[in-house]
Amino acid sequence: MNHIKKKITGFHVTLMFVAFFGVIMAVNFLMAGLALGSFSGTVVDNSYVASQKYNEWLEEGRKQAAYGWTVSEPSRSADRLQISVLGSEDAPLSNARINALAEHPVGRTEGVNLTFEETAPGQYRSNEQLPDGRWKLKISIVKDQRTFDLRSEVK
């Protein structure tokens, strides 16, 4: 049998290096893109302070749950946000004052303050436009000296 041996030249070695590092770079760029696209920001800025307020947050949550209010997930209606709020016994919660702060998850832009106007009983629409993209929302609903705070997200 005749075996033909091919020589490895500098060209072949260069191609192997380019291919090897090309795969490494492609995987790194893919992973970085996926990480940036799915990162929702920090959970808390200072975990020690958050641990000190934990019991307060639990008590506030119990108090809000006792109201019996149900808030829908915010949805986009054209360039505005739409929220539905039901009071106790699933009756529409009318004449509430709703404000929200929309923050970009990774702080790419300034936060957007939103105020809401009631369009139908229990149906509220933001007066301000919300740019496209993913936003974290801090929503505050006030009615009859009761405050209901929640956090949500809209894409």
N, C-alpha and C. Protein backbone atom coordinates (compact mmCIF):
# COMPACT_ATOMS: atom_id res chain seq x y z
N MET A 1 0.83 -1.17 0.00
CA MET A 1 0.00 0.00 0.00
C MET A 1 0.87 1.23 0.00
N ASN A 2 0.41 2.13 -0.75
CA ASN A 2 1.11 3.40 -0.85
C ASN A 2 0.38 4.45 -0.04
N HIS A 3 1.01 4.96 0.97
CA HIS A 3 0.42 6.04 1.76
C HIS A 3 1.01 7.35 1.29
N ILE A 4 0.10 8.24 0.97
CA ILE A 4 0.56 9.56 0.55
C ILE A 4 0.42 10.49 1.74
N LYS A 5 1.51 11.03 2.16
CA LYS A 5 1.49 11.97 3.27
C LYS A 5 1.48 13.38 2.72
N LYS A 6 0.54 14.18 3.26
CA LYS A 6 0.50 15.57 2.86
C LYS A 6 1.23 16.38 3.91
N LYS A 7 1.92 17.35 3.48
CA LYS A 7 2.66 18.21 4.39
C LYS A 7 1.72 19.25 4.99
N ILE A 8 1.89 19.53 6.27
CA ILE A 8 1.18 20.64 6.90
C ILE A 8 2.03 21.87 6.70
N THR A 9 1.43 22.81 6.04
CA THR A 9 2.17 24.03 5.73
C THR A 9 1.74 25.16 6.67
N GLY A 10 2.41 26.26 6.56
CA GLY A 10 2.04 27.44 7.35
C GLY A 10 0.62 27.89 7.06
N PHE A 11 0.19 27.71 5.82
CA PHE A 11 -1.18 28.07 5.43
C PHE A 11 -2.20 27.23 6.20
N HIS A 12 -1.94 25.91 6.31
CA HIS A 12 -2.84 25.01 7.04
C HIS A 12 -2.90 25.37 8.52
N VAL A 13 -1.76 25.68 9.11
CA VAL A 13 -1.71 26.05 10.53
C VAL A 13 -2.48 27.36 10.75
N THR A 14 -2.31 28.31 9.83
CA THR A 14 -3.05 29.58 9.93
C THR A 14 -4.55 29.33 9.86
N LEU A 15 -4.99 28.47 8.94
CA LEU A 15 -6.41 28.15 8.83
C LEU A 15 -6.94 27.49 10.11
N MET A 16 -6.14 26.60 10.72
CA MET A 16 -6.57 25.95 11.95
C MET A 16 -6.73 26.98 13.08
N PHE A 17 -5.76 27.90 13.20
CA PHE A 17 -5.86 28.95 14.23
C PHE A 17 -7.07 29.84 14.01
N VAL A 18 -7.29 30.26 12.78
CA VAL A 18 -8.43 31.14 12.46
C VAL A 18 -9.74 30.41 12.76
N ALA A 19 -9.84 29.15 12.36
CA ALA A 19 -11.07 28.38 12.62
C ALA A 19 -11.29 28.20 14.12
N PHE A 20 -10.24 27.84 14.84
CA PHE A 20 -10.36 27.62 16.28
C PHE A 20 -10.82 28.90 16.99
N PHE A 21 -10.11 29.99 16.76
CA PHE A 21 -10.48 31.23 17.44
C PHE A 21 -11.77 31.82 16.90
N GLY A 22 -12.11 31.54 15.66
CA GLY A 22 -13.39 31.99 15.09
C GLY A 22 -14.56 31.34 15.80
N VAL A 23 -14.45 30.04 16.08
CA VAL A 23 -15.51 29.34 16.81
C VAL A 23 -15.61 29.89 18.23
N ILE A 24 -14.46 30.10 18.89
CA ILE A 24 -14.47 30.65 20.25
C ILE A 24 -15.15 32.02 20.26
N MET A 25 -14.79 32.89 19.32
CA MET A 25 -15.37 34.23 19.28
C MET A 25 -16.87 34.17 18.97
N ALA A 26 -17.27 33.31 18.05
CA ALA A 26 -18.69 33.21 17.70
C ALA A 26 -19.52 32.78 18.91
N VAL A 27 -19.03 31.79 19.65
CA VAL A 27 -19.75 31.33 20.85
C VAL A 27 -19.80 32.44 21.90
N ASN A 28 -18.69 33.15 22.10
CA ASN A 28 -18.67 34.25 23.08
C ASN A 28 -19.65 35.34 22.71
N PHE A 29 -19.67 35.74 21.45
CA PHE A 29 -20.61 36.79 21.03
C PHE A 29 -22.06 36.31 21.16
N LEU A 30 -22.32 35.06 20.84
CA LEU A 30 -23.68 34.52 20.99
C LEU A 30 -24.10 34.54 22.46
N MET A 31 -23.23 34.07 23.34
CA MET A 31 -23.56 34.04 24.77
C MET A 31 -23.72 35.44 25.34
N ALA A 32 -22.87 36.38 24.94
CA ALA A 32 -22.99 37.76 25.41
C ALA A 32 -24.31 38.36 24.94
N GLY A 33 -24.69 38.11 23.69
CA GLY A 33 -25.97 38.62 23.18
C GLY A 33 -27.15 38.04 23.93
N LEU A 34 -27.12 36.75 24.20
CA LEU A 34 -28.21 36.12 24.95
C LEU A 34 -28.27 36.65 26.38
N ALA A 35 -27.11 36.86 27.00
CA ALA A 35 -27.08 37.37 28.37
C ALA A 35 -27.64 38.78 28.44
N LEU A 36 -27.24 39.64 27.53
CA LEU A 36 -27.74 41.02 27.54
C LEU A 36 -29.23 41.08 27.24
N GLY A 37 -29.70 40.19 26.38
CA GLY A 37 -31.12 40.19 26.01
C GLY A 37 -32.02 39.66 27.10
N SER A 38 -31.48 38.87 28.02
CA SER A 38 -32.33 38.27 29.05
C SER A 38 -32.08 38.83 30.43
N PHE A 39 -31.09 39.70 30.60
CA PHE A 39 -30.77 40.24 31.93
C PHE A 39 -31.85 41.22 32.35
N SER A 40 -32.44 41.01 33.50
CA SER A 40 -33.54 41.87 33.95
C SER A 40 -33.10 42.90 34.97
N GLY A 41 -31.82 43.07 35.17
CA GLY A 41 -31.35 44.06 36.12
C GLY A 41 -31.14 43.46 37.50
N THR A 42 -30.81 44.30 38.43
CA THR A 42 -30.57 43.82 39.78
C THR A 42 -31.89 43.56 40.50
N VAL A 43 -31.87 42.62 41.39
CA VAL A 43 -33.05 42.33 42.20
C VAL A 43 -33.16 43.37 43.31
N VAL A 44 -32.09 43.56 44.02
CA VAL A 44 -32.01 44.60 45.04
C VAL A 44 -30.64 45.26 44.95
N ASP A 45 -30.58 46.54 45.28
CA ASP A 45 -29.31 47.24 45.22
C ASP A 45 -28.42 46.89 46.40
N ASN A 46 -29.03 46.67 47.58
CA ASN A 46 -28.25 46.39 48.77
C ASN A 46 -28.96 45.26 49.52
N SER A 47 -28.40 44.08 49.49
CA SER A 47 -29.07 42.92 50.08
C SER A 47 -29.21 43.05 51.61
N TYR A 48 -28.28 43.71 52.27
CA TYR A 48 -28.39 43.87 53.72
C TYR A 48 -29.60 44.73 54.09
N VAL A 49 -29.77 45.86 53.39
CA VAL A 49 -30.92 46.73 53.65
C VAL A 49 -32.21 45.99 53.32
N ALA A 50 -32.20 45.24 52.23
CA ALA A 50 -33.39 44.47 51.85
C ALA A 50 -33.75 43.46 52.93
N SER A 51 -32.76 42.81 53.53
CA SER A 51 -33.05 41.83 54.57
C SER A 51 -33.65 42.49 55.81
N GLN A 52 -33.27 43.73 56.09
CA GLN A 52 -33.81 44.45 57.24
C GLN A 52 -35.28 44.84 57.02
N LYS A 53 -35.66 45.04 55.77
CA LYS A 53 -37.03 45.47 55.46
C LYS A 53 -37.96 44.31 55.08
N TYR A 54 -37.46 43.11 55.11
CA TYR A 54 -38.22 41.95 54.66
C TYR A 54 -39.55 41.79 55.39
N ASN A 55 -39.53 41.87 56.71
CA ASN A 55 -40.77 41.71 57.49
C ASN A 55 -41.77 42.83 57.19
N GLU A 56 -41.27 44.05 56.98
CA GLU A 56 -42.15 45.15 56.59
C GLU A 56 -42.84 44.85 55.27
N TRP A 57 -42.06 44.32 54.32
CA TRP A 57 -42.63 44.01 53.00
C TRP A 57 -43.68 42.90 53.10
N LEU A 58 -43.42 41.91 53.95
CA LEU A 58 -44.42 40.85 54.14
C LEU A 58 -45.72 41.40 54.72
N GLU A 59 -45.61 42.27 55.70
CA GLU A 59 -46.80 42.87 56.32
C GLU A 59 -47.56 43.73 55.32
N GLU A 60 -46.83 44.49 54.54
CA GLU A 60 -47.46 45.32 53.50
C GLU A 60 -48.18 44.45 52.48
N GLY A 61 -47.57 43.33 52.12
CA GLY A 61 -48.19 42.40 51.18
C GLY A 61 -49.48 41.80 51.74
N ARG A 62 -49.49 41.46 53.02
CA ARG A 62 -50.70 40.92 53.65
C ARG A 62 -51.81 41.98 53.67
N LYS A 63 -51.43 43.21 53.98
CA LYS A 63 -52.41 44.30 54.03
C LYS A 63 -53.02 44.52 52.64
N GLN A 64 -52.19 44.52 51.61
CA GLN A 64 -52.70 44.72 50.25
C GLN A 64 -53.57 43.55 49.81
N ALA A 65 -53.21 42.32 50.19
CA ALA A 65 -54.00 41.15 49.83
C ALA A 65 -55.40 41.23 50.45
N ALA A 66 -55.49 41.85 51.63
CA ALA A 66 -56.78 41.96 52.31
C ALA A 66 -57.74 42.89 51.55
N TYR A 67 -57.20 43.78 50.72
CA TYR A 67 -58.09 44.65 49.92
C TYR A 67 -58.94 43.85 48.95
N GLY A 68 -58.41 42.73 48.47
CA GLY A 68 -59.13 41.91 47.50
C GLY A 68 -59.06 42.46 46.08
N TRP A 69 -58.11 43.33 45.81
CA TRP A 69 -57.99 43.91 44.48
C TRP A 69 -57.22 42.97 43.57
N THR A 70 -57.62 42.96 42.30
CA THR A 70 -56.94 42.17 41.28
C THR A 70 -56.52 43.11 40.16
N VAL A 71 -55.24 43.05 39.80
CA VAL A 71 -54.71 43.91 38.75
C VAL A 71 -54.21 43.04 37.61
N SER A 72 -54.63 43.36 36.39
CA SER A 72 -54.18 42.59 35.24
C SER A 72 -52.72 42.91 34.93
N GLU A 73 -52.10 42.04 34.16
CA GLU A 73 -50.75 42.34 33.66
C GLU A 73 -50.88 43.51 32.69
N PRO A 74 -50.04 44.52 32.81
CA PRO A 74 -50.10 45.64 31.87
C PRO A 74 -49.85 45.15 30.45
N SER A 75 -50.61 45.71 29.53
CA SER A 75 -50.42 45.34 28.13
C SER A 75 -50.32 46.61 27.29
N ARG A 76 -49.73 46.47 26.13
CA ARG A 76 -49.59 47.62 25.24
C ARG A 76 -50.84 47.77 24.38
N SER A 77 -51.28 48.99 24.26
CA SER A 77 -52.36 49.34 23.35
C SER A 77 -51.79 50.48 22.51
N ALA A 78 -51.32 50.13 21.33
CA ALA A 78 -50.56 51.06 20.48
C ALA A 78 -49.30 51.46 21.24
N ASP A 79 -49.13 52.73 21.55
CA ASP A 79 -47.92 53.17 22.26
C ASP A 79 -48.21 53.50 23.72
N ARG A 80 -49.35 53.05 24.23
CA ARG A 80 -49.75 53.31 25.62
C ARG A 80 -49.88 51.99 26.38
N LEU A 81 -49.94 52.10 27.71
CA LEU A 81 -50.16 50.91 28.54
C LEU A 81 -51.60 50.84 28.98
N GLN A 82 -52.12 49.63 29.07
CA GLN A 82 -53.50 49.37 29.48
C GLN A 82 -53.46 48.48 30.71
N ILE A 83 -54.24 48.85 31.75
CA ILE A 83 -54.32 48.06 32.98
C ILE A 83 -55.79 47.93 33.37
N SER A 84 -56.16 46.74 33.81
CA SER A 84 -57.51 46.49 34.31
C SER A 84 -57.42 46.22 35.80
N VAL A 85 -58.28 46.88 36.60
CA VAL A 85 -58.25 46.72 38.06
C VAL A 85 -59.64 46.34 38.54
N LEU A 86 -59.69 45.24 39.29
CA LEU A 86 -60.95 44.79 39.89
C LEU A 86 -60.83 44.94 41.40
N GLY A 87 -61.92 45.39 42.01
CA GLY A 87 -61.96 45.51 43.46
C GLY A 87 -62.41 44.20 44.06
N SER A 88 -62.82 44.27 45.32
CA SER A 88 -63.32 43.06 45.96
C SER A 88 -64.59 42.61 45.24
N GLU A 89 -64.84 41.32 45.29
CA GLU A 89 -65.99 40.69 44.63
C GLU A 89 -65.97 40.90 43.11
N ASP A 90 -64.79 41.07 42.54
CA ASP A 90 -64.57 41.20 41.10
C ASP A 90 -65.34 42.33 40.44
N ALA A 91 -65.66 43.37 41.20
CA ALA A 91 -66.31 44.56 40.63
C ALA A 91 -65.21 45.49 40.14
N PRO A 92 -65.42 46.17 38.99
CA PRO A 92 -64.40 47.10 38.50
C PRO A 92 -64.08 48.17 39.54
N LEU A 93 -62.81 48.45 39.73
CA LEU A 93 -62.37 49.46 40.67
C LEU A 93 -62.27 50.79 39.92
N SER A 94 -63.26 51.65 40.15
CA SER A 94 -63.32 52.93 39.44
C SER A 94 -62.76 54.06 40.30
N ASN A 95 -62.42 55.14 39.63
CA ASN A 95 -61.96 56.37 40.27
C ASN A 95 -60.70 56.18 41.11
N ALA A 96 -59.83 55.30 40.68
CA ALA A 96 -58.55 55.13 41.36
C ALA A 96 -57.51 56.03 40.70
N ARG A 97 -56.49 56.37 41.44
CA ARG A 97 -55.38 57.14 40.89
C ARG A 97 -54.22 56.17 40.68
N ILE A 98 -53.77 56.05 39.44
CA ILE A 98 -52.71 55.10 39.12
C ILE A 98 -51.52 55.85 38.53
N ASN A 99 -50.36 55.58 39.09
CA ASN A 99 -49.09 56.11 38.59
C ASN A 99 -48.13 54.94 38.44
N ALA A 100 -47.20 55.08 37.51
CA ALA A 100 -46.19 54.03 37.34
C ALA A 100 -44.87 54.66 36.94
N LEU A 101 -43.81 54.00 37.31
CA LEU A 101 -42.48 54.37 36.87
C LEU A 101 -41.97 53.20 36.03
N ALA A 102 -41.69 53.48 34.77
CA ALA A 102 -41.16 52.47 33.86
C ALA A 102 -39.65 52.68 33.76
N GLU A 103 -38.91 51.63 34.09
CA GLU A 103 -37.45 51.70 34.05
C GLU A 103 -36.92 50.62 33.11
N HIS A 104 -35.92 51.00 32.33
CA HIS A 104 -35.29 50.02 31.46
C HIS A 104 -34.50 49.04 32.32
N PRO A 105 -34.60 47.73 32.05
CA PRO A 105 -33.97 46.73 32.92
C PRO A 105 -32.48 46.93 33.15
N VAL A 106 -31.76 47.42 32.16
CA VAL A 106 -30.32 47.59 32.34
C VAL A 106 -29.92 49.06 32.31
N GLY A 107 -30.88 49.95 32.52
CA GLY A 107 -30.59 51.37 32.66
C GLY A 107 -30.09 52.05 31.41
N ARG A 108 -30.51 51.58 30.25
CA ARG A 108 -30.04 52.19 29.00
C ARG A 108 -30.63 53.57 28.77
N THR A 109 -31.81 53.83 29.33
CA THR A 109 -32.46 55.13 29.15
C THR A 109 -33.02 55.61 30.49
N GLU A 110 -33.43 56.85 30.51
CA GLU A 110 -34.06 57.42 31.70
C GLU A 110 -35.39 56.72 31.96
N GLY A 111 -35.81 56.70 33.22
CA GLY A 111 -37.12 56.16 33.55
C GLY A 111 -38.23 57.04 32.99
N VAL A 112 -39.39 56.45 32.79
CA VAL A 112 -40.54 57.17 32.25
C VAL A 112 -41.65 57.14 33.30
N ASN A 113 -42.12 58.33 33.72
CA ASN A 113 -43.24 58.41 34.66
C ASN A 113 -44.54 58.36 33.86
N LEU A 114 -45.44 57.50 34.31
CA LEU A 114 -46.73 57.32 33.62
C LEU A 114 -47.87 57.63 34.58
N THR A 115 -48.86 58.34 34.09
CA THR A 115 -50.12 58.53 34.82
C THR A 115 -51.20 57.86 33.98
N PHE A 116 -52.24 57.39 34.65
CA PHE A 116 -53.27 56.64 33.96
C PHE A 116 -54.62 57.35 34.08
N GLU A 117 -55.41 57.18 33.04
CA GLU A 117 -56.76 57.75 32.99
C GLU A 117 -57.75 56.60 32.81
N GLU A 118 -58.87 56.68 33.50
CA GLU A 118 -59.88 55.63 33.40
C GLU A 118 -60.64 55.80 32.09
N THR A 119 -60.66 54.75 31.27
CA THR A 119 -61.35 54.80 29.97
C THR A 119 -62.71 54.11 30.03
N ALA A 120 -62.87 53.20 30.97
CA ALA A 120 -64.12 52.48 31.22
C ALA A 120 -64.04 52.03 32.67
N PRO A 121 -65.14 51.61 33.28
CA PRO A 121 -65.06 51.18 34.68
C PRO A 121 -63.98 50.11 34.89
N GLY A 122 -62.98 50.45 35.71
CA GLY A 122 -61.90 49.52 36.01
C GLY A 122 -60.83 49.38 34.94
N GLN A 123 -60.96 50.11 33.83
CA GLN A 123 -59.99 50.05 32.73
C GLN A 123 -59.21 51.36 32.68
N TYR A 124 -57.89 51.25 32.73
CA TYR A 124 -57.04 52.44 32.77
C TYR A 124 -56.02 52.39 31.64
N ARG A 125 -55.75 53.58 31.08
CA ARG A 125 -54.80 53.72 29.96
C ARG A 125 -53.83 54.84 30.31
N SER A 126 -52.55 54.63 30.00
CA SER A 126 -51.54 55.64 30.32
C SER A 126 -51.73 56.87 29.45
N ASN A 127 -51.51 58.04 30.04
CA ASN A 127 -51.58 59.29 29.29
C ASN A 127 -50.31 59.50 28.46
N GLU A 128 -49.21 58.96 28.94
CA GLU A 128 -47.93 59.14 28.28
C GLU A 128 -47.60 57.92 27.42
N GLN A 129 -46.81 58.16 26.40
CA GLN A 129 -46.35 57.07 25.54
C GLN A 129 -45.21 56.32 26.23
N LEU A 130 -45.13 55.02 25.97
CA LEU A 130 -44.02 54.20 26.46
C LEU A 130 -43.29 53.65 25.25
N PRO A 131 -42.01 54.00 25.09
CA PRO A 131 -41.25 53.52 23.93
C PRO A 131 -41.22 51.99 23.88
N ASP A 132 -41.02 51.47 22.68
CA ASP A 132 -40.91 50.02 22.50
C ASP A 132 -39.76 49.47 23.33
N GLY A 133 -39.85 48.20 23.63
CA GLY A 133 -38.79 47.53 24.37
C GLY A 133 -39.31 46.93 25.66
N ARG A 134 -38.40 46.41 26.43
CA ARG A 134 -38.72 45.76 27.70
C ARG A 134 -38.59 46.80 28.81
N TRP A 135 -39.59 46.88 29.68
CA TRP A 135 -39.61 47.85 30.77
C TRP A 135 -40.05 47.17 32.06
N LYS A 136 -39.39 47.54 33.16
CA LYS A 136 -39.82 47.10 34.49
C LYS A 136 -40.70 48.21 35.05
N LEU A 137 -41.83 47.84 35.62
CA LEU A 137 -42.81 48.81 36.09
C LEU A 137 -42.96 48.76 37.60
N LYS A 138 -42.99 49.93 38.21
CA LYS A 138 -43.36 50.08 39.61
C LYS A 138 -44.68 50.82 39.59
N ILE A 139 -45.77 50.11 39.88
CA ILE A 139 -47.11 50.65 39.76
C ILE A 139 -47.68 50.93 41.15
N SER A 140 -48.34 52.07 41.28
CA SER A 140 -48.99 52.45 42.53
C SER A 140 -50.44 52.81 42.23
N ILE A 141 -51.37 52.13 42.92
CA ILE A 141 -52.80 52.38 42.76
C ILE A 141 -53.31 52.90 44.10
N VAL A 142 -53.99 54.05 44.07
CA VAL A 142 -54.50 54.67 45.30
C VAL A 142 -56.00 54.89 45.15
N LYS A 143 -56.74 54.44 46.16
CA LYS A 143 -58.19 54.67 46.20
C LYS A 143 -58.61 54.65 47.67
N ASP A 144 -59.34 55.69 48.08
CA ASP A 144 -59.87 55.78 49.45
C ASP A 144 -58.79 55.54 50.52
N GLN A 145 -57.70 56.25 50.43
CA GLN A 145 -56.56 56.14 51.37
C GLN A 145 -55.93 54.74 51.41
N ARG A 146 -56.24 53.92 50.46
CA ARG A 146 -55.60 52.61 50.35
C ARG A 146 -54.60 52.66 49.20
N THR A 147 -53.43 52.15 49.46
CA THR A 147 -52.39 52.13 48.42
C THR A 147 -52.02 50.69 48.11
N PHE A 148 -51.99 50.39 46.83
CA PHE A 148 -51.65 49.05 46.34
C PHE A 148 -50.44 49.20 45.43
N ASP A 149 -49.29 48.71 45.87
CA ASP A 149 -48.06 48.81 45.08
C ASP A 149 -47.73 47.45 44.50
N LEU A 150 -47.32 47.45 43.26
CA LEU A 150 -46.89 46.19 42.64
C LEU A 150 -45.81 46.48 41.61
N ARG A 151 -45.14 45.42 41.27
CA ARG A 151 -44.11 45.49 40.22
C ARG A 151 -44.51 44.54 39.12
N SER A 152 -44.23 44.98 37.92
CA SER A 152 -44.58 44.17 36.76
C SER A 152 -43.57 44.46 35.67
N GLU A 153 -43.81 43.86 34.53
CA GLU A 153 -42.92 44.03 33.40
C GLU A 153 -43.74 44.03 32.13
N VAL A 154 -43.28 44.77 31.16
CA VAL A 154 -43.94 44.79 29.86
C VAL A 154 -42.86 44.74 28.80
N LYS A 155 -43.16 44.02 27.73
CA LYS A 155 -42.20 43.88 26.61
C LYS A 155 -42.73 44.57 25.39
